[in-house]
């Protein structure tokens, strides 16, 4: 489960490192935020499924 957090951190850092800092926001900034939110949601879903599978294996 820690690996998912590491992947999320790396993706976030990579996305922010590529884009220059600007004072104003653009449509690309909004799209980036939406994509990062989708990635976080997907990682959360995967983590939930892993927990469910781990519980099934334990039983």
N, C-alpha and C. Protein backbone atom coordinates (compact mmCIF):
# COMPACT_ATOMS: atom_id res chain seq x y z
N UNK A 1 0.81 -1.18 0.00
CA UNK A 1 0.00 0.00 0.00
C UNK A 1 0.87 1.27 0.00
N UNK A 2 2.05 1.22 0.59
CA UNK A 2 2.94 2.37 0.59
C UNK A 2 3.43 2.69 -0.81
N UNK A 3 3.51 1.68 -1.66
CA UNK A 3 3.99 1.91 -3.02
C UNK A 3 3.02 2.80 -3.78
N UNK A 4 1.74 2.70 -3.50
CA UNK A 4 0.77 3.56 -4.17
C UNK A 4 0.99 5.02 -3.79
N UNK A 5 1.28 5.28 -2.54
CA UNK A 5 1.55 6.64 -2.09
C UNK A 5 2.82 7.17 -2.75
N UNK A 6 3.82 6.32 -2.88
CA UNK A 6 5.06 6.73 -3.53
C UNK A 6 4.82 7.07 -5.00
N UNK A 7 4.02 6.25 -5.67
CA UNK A 7 3.72 6.49 -7.08
C UNK A 7 2.97 7.81 -7.22
N UNK A 8 2.00 8.04 -6.36
CA UNK A 8 1.24 9.28 -6.40
C UNK A 8 2.17 10.48 -6.19
N UNK A 9 3.07 10.38 -5.24
CA UNK A 9 4.00 11.47 -4.96
C UNK A 9 4.91 11.73 -6.16
N UNK A 10 5.42 10.65 -6.76
CA UNK A 10 6.29 10.81 -7.93
C UNK A 10 5.55 11.44 -9.10
N UNK A 11 4.31 11.00 -9.35
CA UNK A 11 3.54 11.57 -10.45
C UNK A 11 3.25 13.05 -10.21
N UNK A 12 2.91 13.38 -9.01
CA UNK A 12 2.62 14.77 -8.67
C UNK A 12 3.87 15.63 -8.82
N UNK A 13 4.98 15.15 -8.30
CA UNK A 13 6.23 15.90 -8.40
C UNK A 13 6.65 16.08 -9.85
N UNK A 14 6.50 15.04 -10.62
CA UNK A 14 6.88 15.10 -12.04
C UNK A 14 6.00 16.09 -12.79
N UNK A 15 4.72 16.07 -12.52
CA UNK A 15 3.80 16.97 -13.21
C UNK A 15 4.11 18.43 -12.86
N UNK A 16 4.44 18.69 -11.61
CA UNK A 16 4.73 20.06 -11.21
C UNK A 16 6.12 20.51 -11.64
N UNK A 17 7.05 19.60 -11.78
CA UNK A 17 8.42 19.95 -12.17
C UNK A 17 8.48 20.39 -13.64
N UNK A 18 7.63 19.81 -14.47
CA UNK A 18 7.66 20.10 -15.90
C UNK A 18 7.07 21.47 -16.19
N UNK A 19 6.03 21.84 -15.46
CA UNK A 19 5.36 23.10 -15.73
C UNK A 19 6.04 24.26 -15.01
N UNK A 20 6.26 25.35 -15.70
CA UNK A 20 6.84 26.52 -15.04
C UNK A 20 5.82 27.15 -14.09
N UNK A 21 6.32 27.83 -13.08
CA UNK A 21 5.44 28.53 -12.14
C UNK A 21 4.92 29.81 -12.80
N UNK A 22 3.63 30.02 -12.69
CA UNK A 22 3.02 31.22 -13.26
C UNK A 22 2.11 31.86 -12.22
N UNK A 23 1.92 33.12 -12.37
CA UNK A 23 1.05 33.84 -11.46
C UNK A 23 -0.42 33.62 -11.75
N UNK A 24 -0.76 33.36 -13.00
CA UNK A 24 -2.17 33.15 -13.34
C UNK A 24 -2.39 31.73 -13.80
N UNK A 25 -3.61 31.29 -13.66
CA UNK A 25 -3.95 29.91 -14.01
C UNK A 25 -4.54 29.86 -15.40
N UNK A 26 -4.31 28.77 -16.09
CA UNK A 26 -4.85 28.59 -17.43
C UNK A 26 -5.72 27.34 -17.46
N UNK A 27 -6.30 27.09 -18.60
CA UNK A 27 -7.13 25.89 -18.78
C UNK A 27 -6.28 24.64 -18.61
N UNK A 28 -5.00 24.70 -18.96
CA UNK A 28 -4.13 23.54 -18.79
C UNK A 28 -3.92 23.22 -17.32
N UNK A 29 -3.85 24.25 -16.48
CA UNK A 29 -3.72 24.03 -15.04
C UNK A 29 -4.94 23.30 -14.50
N UNK A 30 -6.11 23.70 -14.98
CA UNK A 30 -7.35 23.05 -14.56
C UNK A 30 -7.37 21.60 -15.01
N UNK A 31 -6.95 21.35 -16.25
CA UNK A 31 -6.92 19.98 -16.77
C UNK A 31 -5.93 19.13 -15.97
N UNK A 32 -4.78 19.71 -15.64
CA UNK A 32 -3.79 18.99 -14.84
C UNK A 32 -4.37 18.60 -13.49
N UNK A 33 -5.06 19.54 -12.85
CA UNK A 33 -5.67 19.27 -11.55
C UNK A 33 -6.70 18.15 -11.66
N UNK A 34 -7.48 18.16 -12.73
CA UNK A 34 -8.50 17.12 -12.93
C UNK A 34 -7.85 15.76 -13.15
N UNK A 35 -6.79 15.73 -13.94
CA UNK A 35 -6.09 14.47 -14.21
C UNK A 35 -5.47 13.92 -12.94
N UNK A 36 -4.83 14.79 -12.16
CA UNK A 36 -4.23 14.35 -10.90
C UNK A 36 -5.30 13.83 -9.94
N UNK A 37 -6.46 14.46 -9.93
CA UNK A 37 -7.56 13.99 -9.08
C UNK A 37 -8.02 12.61 -9.53
N UNK A 38 -8.10 12.40 -10.85
CA UNK A 38 -8.49 11.09 -11.38
C UNK A 38 -7.46 10.02 -11.01
N UNK A 39 -6.19 10.37 -11.09
CA UNK A 39 -5.12 9.43 -10.74
C UNK A 39 -5.21 9.07 -9.26
N UNK A 40 -5.41 10.08 -8.42
CA UNK A 40 -5.54 9.82 -6.98
C UNK A 40 -6.73 8.91 -6.69
N UNK A 41 -7.84 9.16 -7.38
CA UNK A 41 -9.03 8.33 -7.19
C UNK A 41 -8.75 6.89 -7.63
N UNK A 42 -8.09 6.74 -8.77
CA UNK A 42 -7.77 5.40 -9.26
C UNK A 42 -6.84 4.67 -8.30
N UNK A 43 -5.84 5.37 -7.78
CA UNK A 43 -4.94 4.76 -6.81
C UNK A 43 -5.68 4.36 -5.53
N UNK A 44 -6.60 5.20 -5.11
CA UNK A 44 -7.42 4.86 -3.94
C UNK A 44 -8.28 3.63 -4.20
N UNK A 45 -8.83 3.54 -5.40
CA UNK A 45 -9.64 2.36 -5.76
C UNK A 45 -8.80 1.09 -5.75
N UNK A 46 -7.59 1.19 -6.28
CA UNK A 46 -6.70 0.04 -6.30
C UNK A 46 -6.35 -0.38 -4.87
N UNK A 47 -6.07 0.60 -4.03
CA UNK A 47 -5.74 0.29 -2.64
C UNK A 47 -6.92 -0.38 -1.93
N UNK A 48 -8.13 0.09 -2.20
CA UNK A 48 -9.32 -0.53 -1.61
C UNK A 48 -9.46 -1.97 -2.08
N UNK A 49 -9.26 -2.22 -3.35
CA UNK A 49 -9.36 -3.59 -3.89
C UNK A 49 -8.28 -4.48 -3.27
N UNK A 50 -7.08 -3.93 -3.09
CA UNK A 50 -6.02 -4.72 -2.46
C UNK A 50 -6.40 -5.12 -1.05
N UNK A 51 -6.99 -4.19 -0.32
CA UNK A 51 -7.42 -4.52 1.05
C UNK A 51 -8.50 -5.59 1.04
N UNK A 52 -9.45 -5.47 0.12
CA UNK A 52 -10.51 -6.48 0.02
C UNK A 52 -9.94 -7.86 -0.30
N UNK A 53 -9.01 -7.89 -1.24
CA UNK A 53 -8.40 -9.17 -1.60
C UNK A 53 -7.59 -9.73 -0.44
N UNK A 54 -6.90 -8.87 0.28
CA UNK A 54 -6.12 -9.33 1.43
C UNK A 54 -7.04 -9.92 2.49
N UNK A 55 -8.20 -9.30 2.70
CA UNK A 55 -9.16 -9.83 3.66
C UNK A 55 -9.69 -11.19 3.21
N UNK A 56 -9.94 -11.35 1.94
CA UNK A 56 -10.44 -12.62 1.41
C UNK A 56 -9.40 -13.72 1.57
N UNK A 57 -8.15 -13.36 1.37
CA UNK A 57 -7.07 -14.35 1.48
C UNK A 57 -6.92 -14.78 2.94
N UNK A 58 -7.09 -13.84 3.87
CA UNK A 58 -6.94 -14.14 5.29
C UNK A 58 -8.03 -15.08 5.80
N UNK A 59 -9.20 -15.01 5.19
CA UNK A 59 -10.33 -15.80 5.67
C UNK A 59 -10.20 -17.24 5.29
